[in-house]
Amino acid sequence: MSAKPVVILCAVATLTLPLAAQDHARRVGVGISVPDIGVFLPINVSAHFRLEPYVDFLSARADYPVSSDTAWDSHTLVGLGVFSVAHPQERLNMYFGPRFGLLHGSTRVNGSAGQTSTTSSGWFVAGAIGGEYSPAPAFSVGAEAKIQYDHTSSSSSGSTSIAPSLYARSWFSSGALFVRFYP
């Protein structure tokens, strides 16, 4: 992994430090999250209220050398965050609230037992808390933690003994790192 993008990002942040203090109200931005690749559209409706529509992608591949099986798993979430925002310090924003939306996923296994594929769709709701620090008026870095509930139904095909329709409900926690730009 190259350090060049990190150096450029740090240089831009350092060069823009002397700019005027940020205005918290009525701003629209664009955000990116990792480790899942997410694209966010933070809309600061007022100084203390944010709407954040987003699309989040996750894709994974696992190779099992003992059985020569390969599994592919991908998920897409389309949702909305509704947040209360606090400003404990001039360049620091803290937020909390729900995230909710629709999800779609697929899993495919190709291996010794044949090929199997499963598609699932459903909805999710999560409680999220996060913070972001703005070293420059148009740029912020932050982190978020959430507890999420997924409700999905699945259908599978292939040479397996799994029933054709499955219902899954799951609770889990996750975290993400963010970079947000406010042009």
Protein backbone atom coordinates (compact mmCIF):
# COMPACT_ATOMS: atom_id res chain seq x y z
CA MET A 1 0.00 0.00 0.00
CA SER A 2 1.38 3.36 -1.01
CA ALA A 3 1.73 6.20 1.49
CA LYS A 4 1.32 8.81 -1.26
CA PRO A 5 -2.49 9.34 -0.82
CA VAL A 6 -2.05 9.73 2.95
CA VAL A 7 0.76 12.28 2.48
CA ILE A 8 -1.33 14.28 0.00
CA LEU A 9 -4.34 14.19 2.32
CA CYS A 10 -2.25 15.38 5.28
CA ALA A 11 -0.68 18.16 3.19
CA VAL A 12 -4.08 19.44 2.06
CA ALA A 13 -5.37 19.36 5.63
CA THR A 14 -2.29 21.20 6.94
CA LEU A 15 -2.41 23.88 4.24
CA THR A 16 -6.07 24.64 4.92
CA LEU A 17 -5.75 24.95 8.72
CA PRO A 18 -5.60 28.77 8.77
CA LEU A 19 -8.93 29.12 6.96
CA ALA A 20 -11.97 30.55 8.79
CA ALA A 21 -13.92 28.46 11.31
CA GLN A 22 -16.54 26.15 9.85
CA ASP A 23 -20.22 27.01 9.77
CA HIS A 24 -22.16 24.01 11.14
CA ALA A 25 -25.57 24.85 9.68
CA ARG A 26 -27.00 24.16 6.22
CA ARG A 27 -24.17 22.29 4.57
CA VAL A 28 -24.18 19.36 2.21
CA GLY A 29 -21.18 17.09 1.90
CA VAL A 30 -19.88 13.80 0.57
CA GLY A 31 -18.39 11.09 2.75
CA ILE A 32 -16.54 7.82 2.31
CA SER A 33 -16.26 5.05 4.91
CA VAL A 34 -13.94 2.09 5.44
CA PRO A 35 -13.55 -0.90 6.01
CA ASP A 36 -16.86 -1.38 4.16
CA ILE A 37 -16.88 0.93 1.17
CA GLY A 38 -19.69 3.39 1.78
CA VAL A 39 -20.71 6.62 0.06
CA PHE A 40 -22.52 9.07 2.34
CA LEU A 41 -24.31 12.37 1.69
CA PRO A 42 -24.35 14.30 5.01
CA ILE A 43 -26.98 17.05 4.92
CA ASN A 44 -26.72 19.39 7.90
CA VAL A 45 -30.29 20.72 7.98
CA SER A 46 -29.46 22.91 10.98
CA ALA A 47 -26.62 23.23 13.48
CA HIS A 48 -28.07 20.34 15.53
CA PHE A 49 -29.85 18.11 12.97
CA ARG A 50 -28.31 15.98 10.18
CA LEU A 51 -29.84 13.67 7.55
CA GLU A 52 -27.42 11.26 5.90
CA PRO A 53 -28.55 9.07 2.99
CA TYR A 54 -25.99 6.44 2.06
CA VAL A 55 -25.07 3.33 0.11
CA ASP A 56 -22.71 0.81 1.72
CA PHE A 57 -20.95 -2.07 -0.08
CA LEU A 58 -19.15 -5.13 1.28
CA SER A 59 -17.59 -7.90 -0.77
CA ALA A 60 -15.50 -10.81 0.47
CA ARG A 61 -13.95 -13.94 -0.96
CA ALA A 62 -12.72 -16.95 1.00
CA ASP A 63 -10.61 -19.79 -0.42
CA TYR A 64 -10.47 -23.08 1.48
CA PRO A 65 -7.37 -24.99 0.30
CA VAL A 66 -8.17 -28.28 2.09
CA SER A 67 -11.51 -28.75 0.30
CA SER A 68 -10.74 -26.55 -2.76
CA ASP A 69 -13.93 -24.58 -2.06
CA THR A 70 -14.30 -20.88 -2.81
CA ALA A 71 -17.00 -18.66 -1.32
CA TRP A 72 -18.02 -15.17 -2.48
CA ASP A 73 -20.16 -12.95 -0.29
CA SER A 74 -21.47 -9.47 -1.11
CA HIS A 75 -23.92 -7.10 0.58
CA THR A 76 -25.39 -3.74 -0.38
CA LEU A 77 -27.19 -1.46 2.09
CA VAL A 78 -29.20 1.60 1.05
CA GLY A 79 -30.25 3.67 4.01
CA LEU A 80 -30.78 6.92 5.84
CA GLY A 81 -29.27 8.23 9.07
CA VAL A 82 -31.18 10.76 11.21
CA PHE A 83 -28.87 12.39 13.74
CA SER A 84 -28.81 14.86 16.57
CA VAL A 85 -25.52 16.77 16.38
CA ALA A 86 -23.62 18.41 19.24
CA HIS A 87 -20.58 20.69 19.00
CA PRO A 88 -18.56 20.29 22.23
CA GLN A 89 -15.59 22.16 20.71
CA GLU A 90 -15.14 24.43 17.72
CA ARG A 91 -13.84 21.78 15.30
CA LEU A 92 -15.48 18.72 16.86
CA ASN A 93 -18.94 17.33 16.06
CA MET A 94 -20.54 14.45 17.96
CA TYR A 95 -23.70 12.79 16.61
CA PHE A 96 -26.11 10.02 17.55
CA GLY A 97 -29.31 8.58 16.16
CA PRO A 98 -30.78 5.77 14.06
CA ARG A 99 -29.73 4.41 10.69
CA PHE A 100 -32.29 2.34 8.77
CA GLY A 101 -32.93 1.07 5.26
CA LEU A 102 -32.97 -1.87 2.88
CA LEU A 103 -30.35 -4.52 2.28
CA HIS A 104 -29.57 -7.01 -0.45
CA GLY A 105 -26.96 -9.74 -0.40
CA SER A 106 -25.72 -12.76 -2.24
CA THR A 107 -23.48 -15.71 -1.42
CA ARG A 108 -22.01 -18.16 -3.89
CA VAL A 109 -19.98 -21.27 -3.05
CA ASN A 110 -18.16 -23.27 -5.69
CA GLY A 111 -16.50 -26.39 -4.43
CA SER A 112 -16.43 -30.10 -3.83
CA ALA A 113 -20.18 -30.30 -3.09
CA GLY A 114 -21.09 -28.43 -6.28
CA GLN A 115 -22.15 -24.85 -6.79
CA THR A 116 -24.58 -23.16 -4.41
CA SER A 117 -25.92 -19.62 -4.47
CA THR A 118 -28.09 -17.72 -2.04
CA THR A 119 -29.69 -14.32 -2.44
CA SER A 120 -31.24 -12.41 0.40
CA SER A 121 -33.08 -9.15 0.87
CA GLY A 122 -34.65 -7.38 3.79
CA TRP A 123 -34.32 -4.38 6.04
CA PHE A 124 -32.12 -3.14 8.87
CA VAL A 125 -32.21 -0.67 11.73
CA ALA A 126 -29.22 0.50 13.78
CA GLY A 127 -28.35 2.83 16.61
CA ALA A 128 -25.23 4.84 15.78
CA ILE A 129 -22.93 7.20 17.66
CA GLY A 130 -19.99 8.98 16.10
CA GLY A 131 -17.74 11.95 16.01
CA GLU A 132 -15.81 13.94 13.45
CA TYR A 133 -12.94 16.38 13.71
CA SER A 134 -12.55 19.17 11.15
CA PRO A 135 -8.93 20.26 10.73
CA ALA A 136 -10.19 22.46 7.86
CA PRO A 137 -13.58 24.03 7.11
CA ALA A 138 -14.35 21.75 4.16
CA PHE A 139 -12.87 18.50 5.48
CA SER A 140 -13.44 16.17 8.44
CA VAL A 141 -12.25 12.79 9.65
CA GLY A 142 -14.20 10.67 12.09
CA ALA A 143 -15.35 7.35 13.42
CA GLU A 144 -18.70 5.73 14.13
CA ALA A 145 -19.88 2.75 16.18
CA LYS A 146 -23.26 1.11 15.75
CA ILE A 147 -25.41 -1.76 16.89
CA GLN A 148 -27.48 -3.12 14.02
CA TYR A 149 -30.43 -5.49 13.61
CA ASP A 150 -30.93 -7.19 10.22
CA HIS A 151 -34.10 -8.97 9.12
CA THR A 152 -33.73 -10.88 5.85
CA SER A 153 -35.35 -13.60 3.83
CA SER A 154 -33.28 -15.77 1.50
CA SER A 155 -33.69 -18.17 -1.34
CA SER A 156 -31.03 -20.64 -2.36
CA SER A 157 -30.32 -22.76 -5.38
CA GLY A 158 -27.81 -25.42 -6.24
CA SER A 159 -26.91 -28.87 -5.01
CA THR A 160 -27.50 -28.43 -1.27
CA SER A 161 -29.92 -29.73 1.28
CA ILE A 162 -30.73 -26.21 2.51
CA ALA A 163 -34.40 -25.29 2.38
CA PRO A 164 -35.32 -22.98 -0.54
CA SER A 165 -36.50 -20.14 1.74
CA LEU A 166 -34.70 -19.03 4.88
CA TYR A 167 -35.47 -16.21 7.31
CA ALA A 168 -32.61 -14.69 9.24
CA ARG A 169 -32.53 -12.19 12.05
CA SER A 170 -29.24 -10.99 13.46
CA TRP A 171 -27.80 -8.46 15.90
CA PHE A 172 -24.23 -7.24 15.58
CA SER A 173 -21.97 -4.31 16.30
CA SER A 174 -19.58 -2.65 13.89
CA GLY A 175 -17.41 0.38 13.45
CA ALA A 176 -16.28 2.55 10.56
CA LEU A 177 -13.82 5.31 9.80
CA PHE A 178 -15.01 8.30 7.77
CA VAL A 179 -13.66 11.07 5.60
CA ARG A 180 -16.19 13.78 4.76
CA PHE A 181 -15.83 16.72 2.38
CA TYR A 182 -18.08 19.78 2.46
CA PRO A 183 -17.61 21.61 -0.88
